[in-house]
C-alpha atoms as a PDB file:
ATOM      1  CA  UNK A   1      -6.089 -19.505  -0.998  1.00  0.00           C
ATOM      2  CA  UNK A   2      -2.333 -19.973   0.514  1.00  0.00           C
ATOM      3  CA  UNK A   3      -0.795 -19.030   3.725  1.00  0.00           C
ATOM      4  CA  UNK A   4       2.271 -16.489   3.575  1.00  0.00           C
ATOM      5  CA  UNK A   5       3.981 -16.315   6.752  1.00  0.00           C
ATOM      6  CA  UNK A   6       4.667 -12.351   8.142  1.00  0.00           C
ATOM      7  CA  UNK A   7       7.296 -13.148  10.474  1.00  0.00           C
ATOM      8  CA  UNK A   8      11.171 -12.634  11.358  1.00  0.00           C
ATOM      9  CA  UNK A   9      13.358  -9.518  12.579  1.00  0.00           C
ATOM     10  CA  UNK A  10      13.332  -8.305   8.198  1.00  0.00           C
ATOM     11  CA  UNK A  11       9.399  -8.571   8.295  1.00  0.00           C
ATOM     12  CA  UNK A  12       7.746  -7.490  11.318  1.00  0.00           C
ATOM     13  CA  UNK A  13       9.454  -5.477  13.801  1.00  0.00           C
ATOM     14  CA  UNK A  14       8.723  -4.442  17.695  1.00  0.00           C
ATOM     15  CA  UNK A  15       9.360  -0.834  18.573  1.00  0.00           C
ATOM     16  CA  UNK A  16       9.342   0.054  22.104  1.00  0.00           C
ATOM     17  CA  UNK A  17       9.071   3.543  23.010  1.00  0.00           C
ATOM     18  CA  UNK A  18      11.664   6.186  22.453  1.00  0.00           C
ATOM     19  CA  UNK A  19      13.777   4.103  20.179  1.00  0.00           C
ATOM     20  CA  UNK A  20      14.425   4.779  16.720  1.00  0.00           C
ATOM     21  CA  UNK A  21      14.550   1.627  14.105  1.00  0.00           C
ATOM     22  CA  UNK A  22      14.593   1.076  10.495  1.00  0.00           C
ATOM     23  CA  UNK A  23      11.115   0.375   8.493  1.00  0.00           C
ATOM     24  CA  UNK A  24      11.731  -3.720   7.918  1.00  0.00           C
ATOM     25  CA  UNK A  25      11.699  -4.999   4.258  1.00  0.00           C
ATOM     26  CA  UNK A  26       8.466  -7.040   4.131  1.00  0.00           C
ATOM     27  CA  UNK A  27       7.709  -9.648   2.888  1.00  0.00           C
ATOM     28  CA  UNK A  28       6.027  -9.931  -0.758  1.00  0.00           C
ATOM     29  CA  UNK A  29       2.348 -11.531  -0.974  1.00  0.00           C
ATOM     30  CA  UNK A  30       0.611 -12.107  -3.831  1.00  0.00           C
ATOM     31  CA  UNK A  31      -3.188 -11.608  -5.016  1.00  0.00           C
ATOM     32  CA  UNK A  32      -5.058 -14.479  -4.306  1.00  0.00           C
ATOM     33  CA  UNK A  33      -2.968 -15.664  -0.770  1.00  0.00           C
ATOM     34  CA  UNK A  34      -2.879 -14.181   2.581  1.00  0.00           C
ATOM     35  CA  UNK A  35      -0.274 -12.856   4.641  1.00  0.00           C
ATOM     36  CA  UNK A  36      -0.255 -13.840   7.847  1.00  0.00           C
ATOM     37  CA  UNK A  37       1.304 -11.436  10.502  1.00  0.00           C
ATOM     38  CA  UNK A  38       2.945 -14.041  12.734  1.00  0.00           C
ATOM     39  CA  UNK A  39       4.447 -12.731  16.594  1.00  0.00           C
ATOM     40  CA  UNK A  40       7.617 -14.170  17.175  1.00  0.00           C
ATOM     41  CA  UNK A  41       7.813 -16.605  19.636  1.00  0.00           C
ATOM     42  CA  UNK A  42       8.555 -15.112  22.983  1.00  0.00           C
ATOM     43  CA  UNK A  43       6.985 -11.608  22.221  1.00  0.00           C
ATOM     44  CA  UNK A  44       3.763 -12.207  20.685  1.00  0.00           C
ATOM     45  CA  UNK A  45       1.403  -8.936  19.496  1.00  0.00           C
ATOM     46  CA  UNK A  46      -0.323  -6.942  21.917  1.00  0.00           C
ATOM     47  CA  UNK A  47      -0.685  -3.163  23.171  1.00  0.00           C
ATOM     48  CA  UNK A  48      -3.616  -1.811  21.319  1.00  0.00           C
ATOM     49  CA  UNK A  49      -2.610  -0.713  18.309  1.00  0.00           C
ATOM     50  CA  UNK A  50      -0.167  -2.697  15.070  1.00  0.00           C
ATOM     51  CA  UNK A  51       0.953  -0.169  11.872  1.00  0.00           C
ATOM     52  CA  UNK A  52       1.356  -2.141   8.921  1.00  0.00           C
ATOM     53  CA  UNK A  53       2.536  -0.904   5.933  1.00  0.00           C
ATOM     54  CA  UNK A  54       2.160  -1.476   2.371  1.00  0.00           C
ATOM     55  CA  UNK A  55       3.974  -1.183  -0.950  1.00  0.00           C
ATOM     56  CA  UNK A  56       2.276  -2.297  -3.926  1.00  0.00           C
ATOM     57  CA  UNK A  57       3.769  -4.704  -6.687  1.00  0.00           C
ATOM     58  CA  UNK A  58       3.962  -4.017 -10.471  1.00  0.00           C
ATOM     59  CA  UNK A  59       1.233  -2.121 -12.605  1.00  0.00           C
ATOM     60  CA  UNK A  60      -1.842  -3.267 -10.877  1.00  0.00           C
ATOM     61  CA  UNK A  61      -4.587  -0.812  -9.681  1.00  0.00           C
ATOM     62  CA  UNK A  62      -7.049  -2.843  -7.696  1.00  0.00           C
ATOM     63  CA  UNK A  63      -5.379  -4.460  -5.161  1.00  0.00           C
ATOM     64  CA  UNK A  64      -7.664  -5.085  -2.566  1.00  0.00           C
ATOM     65  CA  UNK A  65      -6.314  -6.063   0.912  1.00  0.00           C
ATOM     66  CA  UNK A  66      -9.409  -7.211   3.538  1.00  0.00           C
ATOM     67  CA  UNK A  67      -8.160  -7.194   7.013  1.00  0.00           C
ATOM     68  CA  UNK A  68      -9.888 -10.483   9.002  1.00  0.00           C
ATOM     69  CA  UNK A  69     -11.669 -10.277  11.979  1.00  0.00           C
ATOM     70  CA  UNK A  70     -10.575 -11.915  15.253  1.00  0.00           C
ATOM     71  CA  UNK A  71     -12.925 -14.580  16.727  1.00  0.00           C
ATOM     72  CA  UNK A  72     -15.916 -12.592  18.501  1.00  0.00           C
ATOM     73  CA  UNK A  73     -16.838 -13.678  22.156  1.00  0.00           C
ATOM     74  CA  UNK A  74     -13.615 -12.816  23.797  1.00  0.00           C
ATOM     75  CA  UNK A  75     -13.241 -10.020  26.239  1.00  0.00           C
ATOM     76  CA  UNK A  76     -15.338  -7.043  27.158  1.00  0.00           C
ATOM     77  CA  UNK A  77     -13.008  -4.862  24.671  1.00  0.00           C
ATOM     78  CA  UNK A  78     -13.439  -7.678  21.521  1.00  0.00           C
ATOM     79  CA  UNK A  79     -14.024  -5.244  18.323  1.00  0.00           C
ATOM     80  CA  UNK A  80     -13.992  -8.177  16.238  1.00  0.00           C
ATOM     81  CA  UNK A  81     -18.468  -8.529  15.584  1.00  0.00           C
ATOM     82  CA  UNK A  82     -17.289  -5.268  13.734  1.00  0.00           C
ATOM     83  CA  UNK A  83     -16.281  -7.636  10.925  1.00  0.00           C
ATOM     84  CA  UNK A  84     -13.587  -7.350   8.752  1.00  0.00           C
ATOM     85  CA  UNK A  85     -12.147  -4.127   6.893  1.00  0.00           C
ATOM     86  CA  UNK A  86     -11.117  -4.052   3.131  1.00  0.00           C
ATOM     87  CA  UNK A  87      -8.668  -1.423   2.106  1.00  0.00           C
ATOM     88  CA  UNK A  88      -7.880  -0.423  -1.925  1.00  0.00           C
ATOM     89  CA  UNK A  89      -4.290  -1.003  -1.787  1.00  0.00           C
ATOM     90  CA  UNK A  90      -2.911   2.680  -3.825  1.00  0.00           C
ATOM     91  CA  UNK A  91      -1.223   1.598  -7.196  1.00  0.00           C
ATOM     92  CA  UNK A  92       2.347   1.647  -8.076  1.00  0.00           C
ATOM     93  CA  UNK A  93       4.524   0.642  -5.420  1.00  0.00           C
ATOM     94  CA  UNK A  94       3.534   3.723  -2.986  1.00  0.00           C
ATOM     95  CA  UNK A  95       4.263   2.817   0.076  1.00  0.00           C
ATOM     96  CA  UNK A  96       0.894   2.992   2.477  1.00  0.00           C
ATOM     97  CA  UNK A  97       0.248   2.755   6.242  1.00  0.00           C
ATOM     98  CA  UNK A  98      -2.748   1.601   8.324  1.00  0.00           C
ATOM     99  CA  UNK A  99      -3.020   1.314  11.794  1.00  0.00           C
ATOM    100  CA  UNK A 100      -5.514  -1.736  13.278  1.00  0.00           C
ATOM    101  CA  UNK A 101      -6.960  -2.227  16.130  1.00  0.00           C
ATOM    102  CA  UNK A 102      -5.745  -4.940  17.914  1.00  0.00           C
ATOM    103  CA  UNK A 103      -8.743  -5.892  20.078  1.00  0.00           C
ATOM    104  CA  UNK A 104     -10.934  -6.153  16.084  1.00  0.00           C
ATOM    105  CA  UNK A 105      -8.274  -8.286  14.087  1.00  0.00           C
ATOM    106  CA  UNK A 106      -6.077 -10.021  16.336  1.00  0.00           C
ATOM    107  CA  UNK A 107      -6.566 -14.221  15.555  1.00  0.00           C
ATOM    108  CA  UNK A 108      -7.324 -17.053  18.125  1.00  0.00           C
ATOM    109  CA  UNK A 109      -3.804 -18.321  17.242  1.00  0.00           C
ATOM    110  CA  UNK A 110      -2.944 -14.513  18.090  1.00  0.00           C
ATOM    111  CA  UNK A 111      -1.937 -13.618  14.324  1.00  0.00           C
ATOM    112  CA  UNK A 112      -3.810 -10.850  12.557  1.00  0.00           C
ATOM    113  CA  UNK A 113      -4.221 -12.377   8.744  1.00  0.00           C
ATOM    114  CA  UNK A 114      -4.988  -9.901   5.677  1.00  0.00           C
ATOM    115  CA  UNK A 115      -6.452 -11.354   2.671  1.00  0.00           C
ATOM    116  CA  UNK A 116      -4.560  -9.821  -0.735  1.00  0.00           C
ATOM    117  CA  UNK A 117      -7.111  -9.938  -3.908  1.00  0.00           C
ATOM    118  CA  UNK A 118      -6.709  -7.549  -7.389  1.00  0.00           C
ATOM    119  CA  UNK A 119      -5.285  -8.260 -10.646  1.00  0.00           C
ATOM    120  CA  UNK A 120      -3.545 -11.410 -11.370  1.00  0.00           C
ATOM    121  CA  UNK A 121       0.247 -11.330 -11.241  1.00  0.00           C
ATOM    122  CA  UNK A 122      -0.260  -8.764  -8.469  1.00  0.00           C
ATOM    123  CA  UNK A 123       1.604  -8.761  -5.546  1.00  0.00           C
ATOM    124  CA  UNK A 124       1.807  -6.294  -2.031  1.00  0.00           C
ATOM    125  CA  UNK A 125       5.101  -6.258   0.313  1.00  0.00           C
ATOM    126  CA  UNK A 126       3.764  -6.783   4.243  1.00  0.00           C
ATOM    127  CA  UNK A 127       5.595  -5.417   6.829  1.00  0.00           C
ATOM    128  CA  UNK A 128       4.526  -5.068  10.911  1.00  0.00           C
ATOM    129  CA  UNK A 129       5.446  -2.639  13.001  1.00  0.00           C
ATOM    130  CA  UNK A 130       4.233  -3.715  16.750  1.00  0.00           C
ATOM    131  CA  UNK A 131       3.597  -0.734  18.978  1.00  0.00           C
ATOM    132  CA  UNK A 132       4.713  -1.765  22.582  1.00  0.00           C
ATOM    133  CA  UNK A 133       4.805   0.061  25.486  1.00  0.00           C
ATOM    134  CA  UNK A 134       7.661  -1.646  26.775  1.00  0.00           C
ATOM    135  CA  UNK A 135      11.382  -0.138  27.790  1.00  0.00           C
END
């Protein structure tokens, strides 16, 4: 499995409250690889939740995206002990959204990891909307 960075303006959007923005295009991640949602320098993922958009590519029907749990033993709000979350993506390029709780999935290095598995040759395009309280 190779890591594929999902970072930058076309892939990660920092959405401040009371603002309007377009959905980022995202980064394609092929089956067998890991999407590494990476914050911009000086803009760590913070807040309680993150919104992730998944768009399945090709004609596969069994793509599974597993959001990997972060390290356990952090703050009292750390939910990583609940483990990974495996989601079966819908077939045939339908956009799907998942809201994740950062207390469960944020890694020690500040990233979020999604393992992509399923039909060989398939892919999922991943984009991120980080929900912030800033104005």
